[in-house]
Amino acid sequence: MTRRLTEIAHELVAGHVHAGDIVIDATMGNGHDTLFLAQLVGETGHVYAFDVQQQAIDQTRGRLDTHGAAKQVTLIRGNHADMLGRLPVGIAGSVAAVIFNLGYLPGGDKSVTTMAESTLLALDASLELIRSGGLISLLVYVGHAGGIEEHQVITEWLEKAGSRARWKHHNPGCAAHAPRLYTLVRS
């Protein structure tokens, strides 16, 4: 049985995050990654989660409340491209992980998608925010409008980031419109 890419991403992130850490969910969606991160960091850590849609905030808040994990999470309605300006001063270089699940909100408005330009800004910010040994997880869905372009700029960004970090494609050889999973670990 083939494992889901989200499961693989969670396993990889779990290897870099511990209780008390600061982490970021750059694309909160329905809150599955946000809850996962909240459980990893526990009550002594903190999760900052971003999304542009109120529906995502509401879904995530409900999921966190149901699991008693809202205390350690700050939900931010805004674009992940603006994360540096929306996060507390002084956390640059101390974030354990940033997780991206790019595409659109499942069950939401499919015309609202992540975009290449804003994702690049968010990736640059993420590289500044993560600590040495910190991880960026990128689950890239390419089947939406602009998804192929977003994937292309991400792979170019990964190549350039190679001097500051090591990265890996976890499902090479996948079908043309299949999601792709990349991770990057800061040197």
N, C-alpha and C. Protein backbone atom coordinates (compact mmCIF):
# COMPACT_ATOMS: atom_id res chain seq x y z
N MET A 1 0.83 -1.18 0.00
CA MET A 1 0.00 0.00 0.00
C MET A 1 0.88 1.25 0.00
N THR A 2 0.57 2.18 -0.87
CA THR A 2 1.34 3.41 -0.98
C THR A 2 0.95 4.38 0.13
N ARG A 3 1.95 4.96 0.77
CA ARG A 3 1.68 5.93 1.84
C ARG A 3 1.33 7.27 1.23
N ARG A 4 0.44 7.99 1.89
CA ARG A 4 0.06 9.32 1.44
C ARG A 4 1.23 10.28 1.68
N LEU A 5 1.37 11.24 0.78
CA LEU A 5 2.45 12.21 0.91
C LEU A 5 2.30 13.04 2.19
N THR A 6 1.06 13.30 2.61
CA THR A 6 0.87 14.03 3.86
C THR A 6 1.42 13.26 5.04
N GLU A 7 1.28 11.95 5.04
CA GLU A 7 1.83 11.11 6.12
C GLU A 7 3.36 11.18 6.11
N ILE A 8 3.94 11.09 4.92
CA ILE A 8 5.40 11.17 4.80
C ILE A 8 5.89 12.53 5.29
N ALA A 9 5.20 13.60 4.87
CA ALA A 9 5.58 14.95 5.30
C ALA A 9 5.52 15.06 6.82
N HIS A 10 4.46 14.55 7.42
CA HIS A 10 4.34 14.62 8.89
C HIS A 10 5.46 13.85 9.57
N GLU A 11 5.80 12.70 9.04
CA GLU A 11 6.89 11.91 9.63
C GLU A 11 8.22 12.68 9.55
N LEU A 12 8.48 13.32 8.42
CA LEU A 12 9.71 14.08 8.25
C LEU A 12 9.75 15.30 9.18
N VAL A 13 8.62 16.00 9.28
CA VAL A 13 8.55 17.17 10.16
C VAL A 13 8.75 16.73 11.62
N ALA A 14 8.13 15.61 12.01
CA ALA A 14 8.24 15.13 13.39
C ALA A 14 9.68 14.87 13.80
N GLY A 15 10.53 14.55 12.83
CA GLY A 15 11.94 14.33 13.13
C GLY A 15 12.72 15.60 13.42
N HIS A 16 12.09 16.76 13.21
CA HIS A 16 12.77 18.04 13.42
C HIS A 16 12.12 18.91 14.48
N VAL A 17 10.96 18.49 14.98
CA VAL A 17 10.19 19.32 15.91
C VAL A 17 10.04 18.60 17.25
N HIS A 18 10.20 19.37 18.32
CA HIS A 18 10.09 18.82 19.67
C HIS A 18 9.19 19.71 20.51
N ALA A 19 8.78 19.19 21.65
CA ALA A 19 7.97 19.98 22.59
C ALA A 19 8.71 21.28 22.90
N GLY A 20 7.97 22.37 22.90
CA GLY A 20 8.54 23.67 23.20
C GLY A 20 9.01 24.46 21.98
N ASP A 21 9.03 23.84 20.82
CA ASP A 21 9.49 24.52 19.60
C ASP A 21 8.47 25.51 19.06
N ILE A 22 8.95 26.39 18.20
CA ILE A 22 8.11 27.30 17.42
C ILE A 22 8.08 26.75 16.01
N VAL A 23 6.87 26.66 15.43
CA VAL A 23 6.69 26.15 14.08
C VAL A 23 5.66 27.01 13.34
N ILE A 24 5.65 26.87 12.02
CA ILE A 24 4.73 27.66 11.19
C ILE A 24 4.02 26.75 10.21
N ASP A 25 2.70 26.90 10.15
CA ASP A 25 1.90 26.29 9.09
C ASP A 25 1.60 27.43 8.12
N ALA A 26 2.29 27.44 7.00
CA ALA A 26 2.19 28.55 6.05
C ALA A 26 0.88 28.54 5.26
N THR A 27 0.18 27.41 5.26
CA THR A 27 -1.05 27.25 4.49
C THR A 27 -2.02 26.40 5.30
N MET A 28 -2.71 26.99 6.26
CA MET A 28 -3.46 26.19 7.25
C MET A 28 -4.58 25.35 6.67
N GLY A 29 -5.25 25.79 5.62
CA GLY A 29 -6.32 24.98 5.04
C GLY A 29 -7.37 24.58 6.06
N ASN A 30 -7.68 23.31 6.14
CA ASN A 30 -8.68 22.82 7.09
C ASN A 30 -8.10 22.48 8.46
N GLY A 31 -6.82 22.76 8.67
CA GLY A 31 -6.23 22.65 9.99
C GLY A 31 -5.59 21.33 10.35
N HIS A 32 -5.50 20.42 9.42
CA HIS A 32 -4.88 19.12 9.74
C HIS A 32 -3.40 19.27 10.11
N ASP A 33 -2.66 20.03 9.30
CA ASP A 33 -1.25 20.26 9.62
C ASP A 33 -1.09 21.11 10.87
N THR A 34 -1.97 22.09 11.04
CA THR A 34 -1.90 22.96 12.22
C THR A 34 -2.07 22.13 13.49
N LEU A 35 -3.06 21.24 13.51
CA LEU A 35 -3.29 20.38 14.67
C LEU A 35 -2.09 19.46 14.90
N PHE A 36 -1.59 18.87 13.83
CA PHE A 36 -0.42 18.00 13.94
C PHE A 36 0.75 18.76 14.58
N LEU A 37 1.01 19.96 14.10
CA LEU A 37 2.11 20.76 14.65
C LEU A 37 1.85 21.12 16.11
N ALA A 38 0.61 21.48 16.44
CA ALA A 38 0.27 21.84 17.82
C ALA A 38 0.51 20.66 18.76
N GLN A 39 0.20 19.47 18.30
CA GLN A 39 0.44 18.29 19.12
C GLN A 39 1.93 18.01 19.28
N LEU A 40 2.72 18.29 18.25
CA LEU A 40 4.17 18.09 18.34
C LEU A 40 4.81 19.06 19.33
N VAL A 41 4.45 20.34 19.27
CA VAL A 41 5.11 21.33 20.12
C VAL A 41 4.56 21.34 21.54
N GLY A 42 3.37 20.77 21.72
CA GLY A 42 2.79 20.71 23.06
C GLY A 42 2.46 22.09 23.61
N GLU A 43 2.08 22.11 24.86
CA GLU A 43 1.65 23.36 25.49
C GLU A 43 2.78 24.36 25.70
N THR A 44 4.03 23.91 25.63
CA THR A 44 5.15 24.83 25.84
C THR A 44 5.69 25.41 24.53
N GLY A 45 5.20 24.92 23.40
CA GLY A 45 5.63 25.45 22.11
C GLY A 45 4.56 26.34 21.52
N HIS A 46 4.79 26.74 20.28
CA HIS A 46 3.79 27.60 19.63
C HIS A 46 3.77 27.37 18.13
N VAL A 47 2.56 27.43 17.58
CA VAL A 47 2.31 27.31 16.14
C VAL A 47 1.72 28.62 15.65
N TYR A 48 2.28 29.14 14.57
CA TYR A 48 1.69 30.27 13.85
C TYR A 48 1.17 29.72 12.54
N ALA A 49 -0.13 29.89 12.28
CA ALA A 49 -0.74 29.32 11.07
C ALA A 49 -1.38 30.42 10.25
N PHE A 50 -1.12 30.38 8.93
CA PHE A 50 -1.58 31.40 8.00
C PHE A 50 -2.58 30.84 7.00
N ASP A 51 -3.58 31.64 6.66
CA ASP A 51 -4.43 31.38 5.51
C ASP A 51 -5.15 32.68 5.16
N VAL A 52 -5.48 32.85 3.88
CA VAL A 52 -6.16 34.06 3.43
C VAL A 52 -7.68 33.95 3.57
N GLN A 53 -8.20 32.76 3.80
CA GLN A 53 -9.65 32.56 3.81
C GLN A 53 -10.19 32.39 5.22
N GLN A 54 -11.30 33.08 5.50
CA GLN A 54 -11.95 32.96 6.80
C GLN A 54 -12.44 31.53 7.03
N GLN A 55 -12.88 30.86 5.98
CA GLN A 55 -13.34 29.48 6.10
C GLN A 55 -12.23 28.60 6.68
N ALA A 56 -11.00 28.82 6.26
CA ALA A 56 -9.86 28.05 6.78
C ALA A 56 -9.65 28.34 8.27
N ILE A 57 -9.74 29.60 8.64
CA ILE A 57 -9.59 29.98 10.06
C ILE A 57 -10.66 29.28 10.90
N ASP A 58 -11.91 29.34 10.42
CA ASP A 58 -13.02 28.75 11.17
C ASP A 58 -12.87 27.23 11.29
N GLN A 59 -12.53 26.58 10.19
CA GLN A 59 -12.35 25.12 10.21
C GLN A 59 -11.23 24.72 11.16
N THR A 60 -10.13 25.44 11.07
CA THR A 60 -8.96 25.13 11.91
C THR A 60 -9.26 25.38 13.37
N ARG A 61 -9.91 26.51 13.68
CA ARG A 61 -10.26 26.81 15.07
C ARG A 61 -11.12 25.69 15.66
N GLY A 62 -12.10 25.24 14.89
CA GLY A 62 -12.96 24.15 15.36
C GLY A 62 -12.17 22.87 15.60
N ARG A 63 -11.27 22.54 14.69
CA ARG A 63 -10.45 21.32 14.83
C ARG A 63 -9.56 21.42 16.07
N LEU A 64 -8.94 22.57 16.28
CA LEU A 64 -8.07 22.76 17.45
C LEU A 64 -8.87 22.69 18.75
N ASP A 65 -10.05 23.33 18.77
CA ASP A 65 -10.89 23.31 19.97
C ASP A 65 -11.32 21.89 20.31
N THR A 66 -11.69 21.13 19.28
CA THR A 66 -12.13 19.75 19.48
C THR A 66 -11.05 18.91 20.13
N HIS A 67 -9.80 19.20 19.81
CA HIS A 67 -8.67 18.41 20.32
C HIS A 67 -7.93 19.09 21.47
N GLY A 68 -8.46 20.18 21.98
CA GLY A 68 -7.83 20.87 23.11
C GLY A 68 -6.46 21.42 22.80
N ALA A 69 -6.24 21.87 21.56
CA ALA A 69 -4.91 22.32 21.17
C ALA A 69 -4.87 23.79 20.73
N ALA A 70 -5.91 24.55 21.04
CA ALA A 70 -5.97 25.94 20.58
C ALA A 70 -5.02 26.86 21.34
N LYS A 71 -4.71 26.51 22.57
CA LYS A 71 -3.90 27.39 23.44
C LYS A 71 -2.54 27.73 22.84
N GLN A 72 -1.92 26.78 22.17
CA GLN A 72 -0.56 26.98 21.66
C GLN A 72 -0.53 27.38 20.19
N VAL A 73 -1.65 27.90 19.66
CA VAL A 73 -1.72 28.24 18.24
C VAL A 73 -2.22 29.67 18.06
N THR A 74 -1.57 30.40 17.17
CA THR A 74 -2.05 31.70 16.72
C THR A 74 -2.46 31.56 15.27
N LEU A 75 -3.76 31.80 15.01
CA LEU A 75 -4.29 31.74 13.65
C LEU A 75 -4.23 33.13 13.05
N ILE A 76 -3.64 33.24 11.87
CA ILE A 76 -3.45 34.53 11.24
C ILE A 76 -4.13 34.53 9.88
N ARG A 77 -5.13 35.41 9.73
CA ARG A 77 -5.76 35.54 8.42
C ARG A 77 -4.89 36.50 7.61
N GLY A 78 -4.17 35.93 6.67
CA GLY A 78 -3.27 36.72 5.85
C GLY A 78 -2.47 35.82 4.93
N ASN A 79 -1.80 36.45 4.01
CA ASN A 79 -1.01 35.74 3.02
C ASN A 79 0.32 35.29 3.63
N HIS A 80 0.71 34.07 3.32
CA HIS A 80 1.99 33.56 3.84
C HIS A 80 3.17 34.39 3.35
N ALA A 81 3.00 35.13 2.26
CA ALA A 81 4.06 35.99 1.75
C ALA A 81 4.40 37.10 2.75
N ASP A 82 3.47 37.42 3.63
CA ASP A 82 3.65 38.50 4.60
C ASP A 82 4.07 38.00 5.98
N MET A 83 4.50 36.75 6.08
CA MET A 83 4.74 36.16 7.40
C MET A 83 5.79 36.91 8.22
N LEU A 84 6.83 37.41 7.61
CA LEU A 84 7.86 38.11 8.39
C LEU A 84 7.27 39.31 9.12
N GLY A 85 6.37 40.02 8.48
CA GLY A 85 5.75 41.18 9.10
C GLY A 85 4.64 40.86 10.07
N ARG A 86 4.18 39.63 10.07
CA ARG A 86 3.05 39.24 10.93
C ARG A 86 3.48 38.41 12.14
N LEU A 87 4.73 38.03 12.19
CA LEU A 87 5.23 37.21 13.30
C LEU A 87 5.94 38.08 14.33
N PRO A 88 6.07 37.59 15.56
CA PRO A 88 6.76 38.37 16.59
C PRO A 88 8.21 38.68 16.19
N VAL A 89 8.63 39.84 16.56
CA VAL A 89 10.01 40.25 16.32
C VAL A 89 10.93 39.32 17.10
N GLY A 90 12.03 38.94 16.49
CA GLY A 90 13.03 38.15 17.21
C GLY A 90 12.92 36.64 17.03
N ILE A 91 11.96 36.14 16.23
CA ILE A 91 11.91 34.68 16.09
C ILE A 91 12.72 34.18 14.89
N ALA A 92 13.21 35.10 14.07
CA ALA A 92 14.04 34.68 12.93
C ALA A 92 15.21 33.85 13.43
N GLY A 93 15.41 32.71 12.80
CA GLY A 93 16.50 31.82 13.17
C GLY A 93 16.17 30.86 14.30
N SER A 94 14.92 30.88 14.78
CA SER A 94 14.56 29.99 15.89
C SER A 94 13.41 29.04 15.57
N VAL A 95 12.88 29.09 14.38
CA VAL A 95 11.74 28.25 14.01
C VAL A 95 12.23 26.85 13.62
N ALA A 96 11.58 25.83 14.18
CA ALA A 96 12.00 24.45 13.94
C ALA A 96 11.53 23.93 12.58
N ALA A 97 10.35 24.35 12.15
CA ALA A 97 9.82 23.85 10.87
C ALA A 97 8.76 24.79 10.32
N VAL A 98 8.69 24.81 9.01
CA VAL A 98 7.62 25.50 8.28
C VAL A 98 7.03 24.48 7.32
N ILE A 99 5.71 24.36 7.34
CA ILE A 99 5.05 23.38 6.48
C ILE A 99 4.14 24.10 5.49
N PHE A 100 4.25 23.70 4.23
CA PHE A 100 3.42 24.23 3.15
C PHE A 100 2.62 23.08 2.55
N ASN A 101 1.36 23.32 2.28
CA ASN A 101 0.50 22.38 1.57
C ASN A 101 -0.16 23.24 0.49
N LEU A 102 0.48 23.33 -0.67
CA LEU A 102 0.13 24.33 -1.69
C LEU A 102 -0.95 23.85 -2.64
N GLY A 103 -1.82 24.76 -3.01
CA GLY A 103 -2.91 24.46 -3.93
C GLY A 103 -4.11 25.29 -3.55
N TYR A 104 -5.22 24.61 -3.18
CA TYR A 104 -6.43 25.31 -2.76
C TYR A 104 -7.02 24.62 -1.53
N LEU A 105 -7.96 25.30 -0.89
CA LEU A 105 -8.60 24.79 0.31
C LEU A 105 -9.57 23.67 -0.06
N PRO A 106 -9.30 22.43 0.37
CA PRO A 106 -10.24 21.35 0.08
C PRO A 106 -11.62 21.67 0.66
N GLY A 107 -12.62 21.57 -0.18
CA GLY A 107 -13.98 21.89 0.24
C GLY A 107 -14.30 23.37 0.18
N GLY A 108 -13.32 24.17 -0.26
CA GLY A 108 -13.51 25.62 -0.32
C GLY A 108 -13.59 26.12 -1.75
N ASP A 109 -13.40 27.40 -1.92
CA ASP A 109 -13.44 28.06 -3.21
C ASP A 109 -12.17 27.69 -3.98
N LYS A 110 -12.31 26.87 -5.02
CA LYS A 110 -11.15 26.39 -5.78
C LYS A 110 -10.52 27.48 -6.65
N SER A 111 -11.17 28.63 -6.74
CA SER A 111 -10.57 29.73 -7.50
C SER A 111 -9.54 30.49 -6.66
N VAL A 112 -9.53 30.26 -5.35
CA VAL A 112 -8.55 30.87 -4.47
C VAL A 112 -7.44 29.85 -4.26
N THR A 113 -6.28 30.11 -4.85
CA THR A 113 -5.16 29.17 -4.80
C THR A 113 -3.89 29.87 -4.34
N THR A 114 -2.93 29.07 -3.96
CA THR A 114 -1.60 29.64 -3.73
C THR A 114 -1.04 30.05 -5.09
N MET A 115 -0.17 31.03 -5.07
CA MET A 115 0.38 31.59 -6.30
C MET A 115 1.90 31.59 -6.24
N ALA A 116 2.51 31.43 -7.40
CA ALA A 116 3.96 31.35 -7.47
C ALA A 116 4.65 32.53 -6.79
N GLU A 117 4.21 33.73 -7.09
CA GLU A 117 4.88 34.93 -6.56
C GLU A 117 4.83 35.00 -5.04
N SER A 118 3.66 34.76 -4.45
CA SER A 118 3.54 34.84 -2.99
C SER A 118 4.24 33.66 -2.31
N THR A 119 4.21 32.50 -2.96
CA THR A 119 4.89 31.34 -2.40
C THR A 119 6.40 31.58 -2.36
N LEU A 120 6.96 32.18 -3.40
CA LEU A 120 8.40 32.49 -3.39
C LEU A 120 8.76 33.42 -2.24
N LEU A 121 7.95 34.45 -2.01
CA LEU A 121 8.21 35.36 -0.89
C LEU A 121 8.13 34.60 0.44
N ALA A 122 7.16 33.70 0.55
CA ALA A 122 7.01 32.91 1.77
C ALA A 122 8.20 31.97 1.97
N LEU A 123 8.69 31.40 0.89
CA LEU A 123 9.85 30.51 0.99
C LEU A 123 11.09 31.28 1.43
N ASP A 124 11.30 32.47 0.86
CA ASP A 124 12.43 33.30 1.29
C ASP A 124 12.32 33.62 2.79
N ALA A 125 11.11 33.98 3.22
CA ALA A 125 10.89 34.29 4.64
C ALA A 125 11.15 33.04 5.50
N SER A 126 10.68 31.90 5.03
CA SER A 126 10.86 30.66 5.79
C SER A 126 12.33 30.32 5.98
N LEU A 127 13.11 30.50 4.94
CA LEU A 127 14.54 30.21 5.04
C LEU A 127 15.21 31.13 6.05
N GLU A 128 14.71 32.36 6.16
CA GLU A 128 15.23 33.29 7.16
C GLU A 128 14.78 32.91 8.58
N LEU A 129 13.58 32.35 8.67
CA LEU A 129 12.99 32.06 9.97
C LEU A 129 13.50 30.76 10.60
N ILE A 130 13.79 29.74 9.79
CA ILE A 130 14.17 28.46 10.39
C ILE A 130 15.59 28.49 10.93
N ARG A 131 15.77 27.71 11.97
CA ARG A 131 17.07 27.61 12.61
C ARG A 131 17.95 26.63 11.83
N SER A 132 19.20 26.57 12.17
CA SER A 132 20.09 25.57 11.61
C SER A 132 19.53 24.20 11.95
N GLY A 133 19.39 23.34 10.96
CA GLY A 133 18.78 22.03 11.17
C GLY A 133 17.27 22.04 11.06
N GLY A 134 16.69 23.23 10.89
CA GLY A 134 15.24 23.35 10.74
C GLY A 134 14.79 22.88 9.36
N LEU A 135 13.52 22.55 9.25
CA LEU A 135 12.99 21.93 8.04
C LEU A 135 11.87 22.75 7.43
N ILE A 136 11.88 22.82 6.10
CA ILE A 136 10.75 23.34 5.34
C ILE A 136 10.18 22.16 4.57
N SER A 137 8.89 21.90 4.75
CA SER A 137 8.21 20.84 4.02
C SER A 137 7.28 21.47 3.00
N LEU A 138 7.41 21.03 1.75
CA LEU A 138 6.61 21.57 0.64
C LEU A 138 5.84 20.46 -0.04
N LEU A 139 4.54 20.42 0.16
CA LEU A 139 3.69 19.51 -0.58
C LEU A 139 3.02 20.35 -1.66
N VAL A 140 3.41 20.09 -2.90
CA VAL A 140 3.02 20.94 -4.03
C VAL A 140 2.01 20.21 -4.90
N TYR A 141 0.79 20.75 -4.93
CA TYR A 141 -0.26 20.22 -5.81
C TYR A 141 -0.21 21.03 -7.09
N VAL A 142 -0.07 20.35 -8.21
CA VAL A 142 0.13 21.05 -9.49
C VAL A 142 -1.11 21.05 -10.37
N GLY A 143 -2.20 20.43 -9.94
CA GLY A 143 -3.38 20.28 -10.79
C GLY A 143 -4.29 21.49 -10.86
N HIS A 144 -4.02 22.53 -10.08
CA HIS A 144 -4.88 23.73 -10.11
C HIS A 144 -4.30 24.76 -11.08
N ALA A 145 -5.11 25.74 -11.44
CA ALA A 145 -4.65 26.82 -12.32
C ALA A 145 -3.44 27.49 -11.67
N GLY A 146 -2.34 27.56 -12.38
CA GLY A 146 -1.11 28.15 -11.86
C GLY A 146 -0.23 27.17 -11.11
N GLY A 147 -0.69 25.95 -10.93
CA GLY A 147 0.06 24.96 -10.16
C GLY A 147 1.37 24.53 -10.80
N ILE A 148 1.36 24.37 -12.11
CA ILE A 148 2.59 24.00 -12.83
C ILE A 148 3.61 25.12 -12.71
N GLU A 149 3.17 26.37 -12.89
CA GLU A 149 4.08 27.51 -12.77
C GLU A 149 4.62 27.61 -11.35
N GLU A 150 3.76 27.42 -10.36
CA GLU A 150 4.20 27.48 -8.97
C GLU A 150 5.25 26.40 -8.71
N HIS A 151 5.02 25.20 -9.21
CA HIS A 151 5.99 24.12 -9.04
C HIS A 151 7.33 24.47 -9.68
N GLN A 152 7.28 25.04 -10.86
CA GLN A 152 8.52 25.40 -11.56
C GLN A 152 9.34 26.41 -10.78
N VAL A 153 8.70 27.45 -10.25
CA VAL A 153 9.46 28.45 -9.49
C VAL A 153 9.98 27.86 -8.18
N ILE A 154 9.24 26.91 -7.61
CA ILE A 154 9.70 26.26 -6.37
C ILE A 154 10.96 25.44 -6.65
N THR A 155 10.96 24.68 -7.72
CA THR A 155 12.16 23.87 -8.00
C THR A 155 13.36 24.77 -8.31
N GLU A 156 13.13 25.88 -8.98
CA GLU A 156 14.22 26.84 -9.22
C GLU A 156 14.71 27.42 -7.90
N TRP A 157 13.78 27.74 -7.01
CA TRP A 157 14.15 28.28 -5.70
C TRP A 157 14.96 27.26 -4.91
N LEU A 158 14.54 26.01 -4.93
CA LEU A 158 15.27 24.96 -4.23
C LEU A 158 16.70 24.84 -4.73
N GLU A 159 16.88 24.89 -6.05
CA GLU A 159 18.22 24.83 -6.62
C GLU A 159 19.09 25.97 -6.09
N LYS A 160 18.54 27.18 -6.04
CA LYS A 160 19.30 28.34 -5.55
C LYS A 160 19.57 28.25 -4.05
N ALA A 161 18.63 27.66 -3.31
CA ALA A 161 18.79 27.56 -1.85
C ALA A 161 19.82 26.51 -1.47
N GLY A 162 20.26 25.73 -2.42
CA GLY A 162 21.21 24.65 -2.16
C GLY A 162 22.49 25.07 -1.49
N SER A 163 22.85 26.34 -1.58
CA SER A 163 24.07 26.81 -0.92
C SER A 163 23.84 27.03 0.58
N ARG A 164 22.59 27.18 1.00
CA ARG A 164 22.27 27.43 2.41
C ARG A 164 21.56 26.25 3.07
N ALA A 165 21.21 25.27 2.27
CA ALA A 165 20.42 24.15 2.80
C ALA A 165 20.53 22.97 1.85
N ARG A 166 20.15 21.80 2.36
CA ARG A 166 20.07 20.63 1.47
C ARG A 166 18.60 20.26 1.30
N TRP A 167 18.24 19.89 0.09
CA TRP A 167 16.84 19.58 -0.17
C TRP A 167 16.71 18.23 -0.85
N LYS A 168 15.49 17.71 -0.80
CA LYS A 168 15.23 16.39 -1.36
C LYS A 168 13.82 16.35 -1.94
N HIS A 169 13.70 15.69 -3.08
CA HIS A 169 12.39 15.40 -3.69
C HIS A 169 12.05 13.98 -3.26
N HIS A 170 10.92 13.81 -2.58
CA HIS A 170 10.58 12.51 -1.98
C HIS A 170 9.78 11.58 -2.88
N ASN A 171 9.29 12.05 -4.01
CA ASN A 171 8.56 11.16 -4.92
C ASN A 171 8.91 11.46 -6.38
N PRO A 172 10.21 11.39 -6.73
CA PRO A 172 10.60 11.64 -8.11
C PRO A 172 9.98 10.59 -9.04
N GLY A 173 9.78 10.97 -10.26
CA GLY A 173 9.21 10.05 -11.23
C GLY A 173 7.70 9.95 -11.13
N CYS A 174 7.08 10.85 -10.39
CA CYS A 174 5.62 10.82 -10.25
C CYS A 174 4.96 11.29 -11.54
N ALA A 175 3.68 11.02 -11.68
CA ALA A 175 2.92 11.43 -12.87
C ALA A 175 2.94 12.95 -12.99
N ALA A 176 2.75 13.43 -14.21
CA ALA A 176 2.86 14.86 -14.51
C ALA A 176 1.97 15.75 -13.63
N HIS A 177 0.77 15.32 -13.31
CA HIS A 177 -0.12 16.15 -12.51
C HIS A 177 -0.25 15.67 -11.06
N ALA A 178 0.64 14.77 -10.65
CA ALA A 178 0.61 14.27 -9.27
C ALA A 178 1.27 15.28 -8.33
N PRO A 179 0.84 15.30 -7.08
CA PRO A 179 1.50 16.17 -6.09
C PRO A 179 2.96 15.75 -5.91
N ARG A 180 3.77 16.70 -5.48
CA ARG A 180 5.19 16.45 -5.21
C ARG A 180 5.51 16.87 -3.79
N LEU A 181 6.39 16.12 -3.15
CA LEU A 181 6.82 16.45 -1.81
C LEU A 181 8.32 16.74 -1.82
N TYR A 182 8.66 17.92 -1.31
CA TYR A 182 10.06 18.34 -1.16
C TYR A 182 10.28 18.72 0.30
N THR A 183 11.48 18.48 0.78
CA THR A 183 11.88 19.01 2.07
C THR A 183 13.23 19.70 1.90
N LEU A 184 13.44 20.69 2.74
CA LEU A 184 14.69 21.43 2.74
C LEU A 184 15.11 21.57 4.20
N VAL A 185 16.37 21.24 4.48
CA VAL A 185 16.91 21.35 5.83
C VAL A 185 17.99 22.43 5.82
N ARG A 186 17.86 23.39 6.70
CA ARG A 186 18.80 24.52 6.75
C ARG A 186 20.15 24.07 7.29
N SER A 187 21.21 24.50 6.63
CA SER A 187 22.58 24.18 7.07
C SER A 187 22.92 24.89 8.36
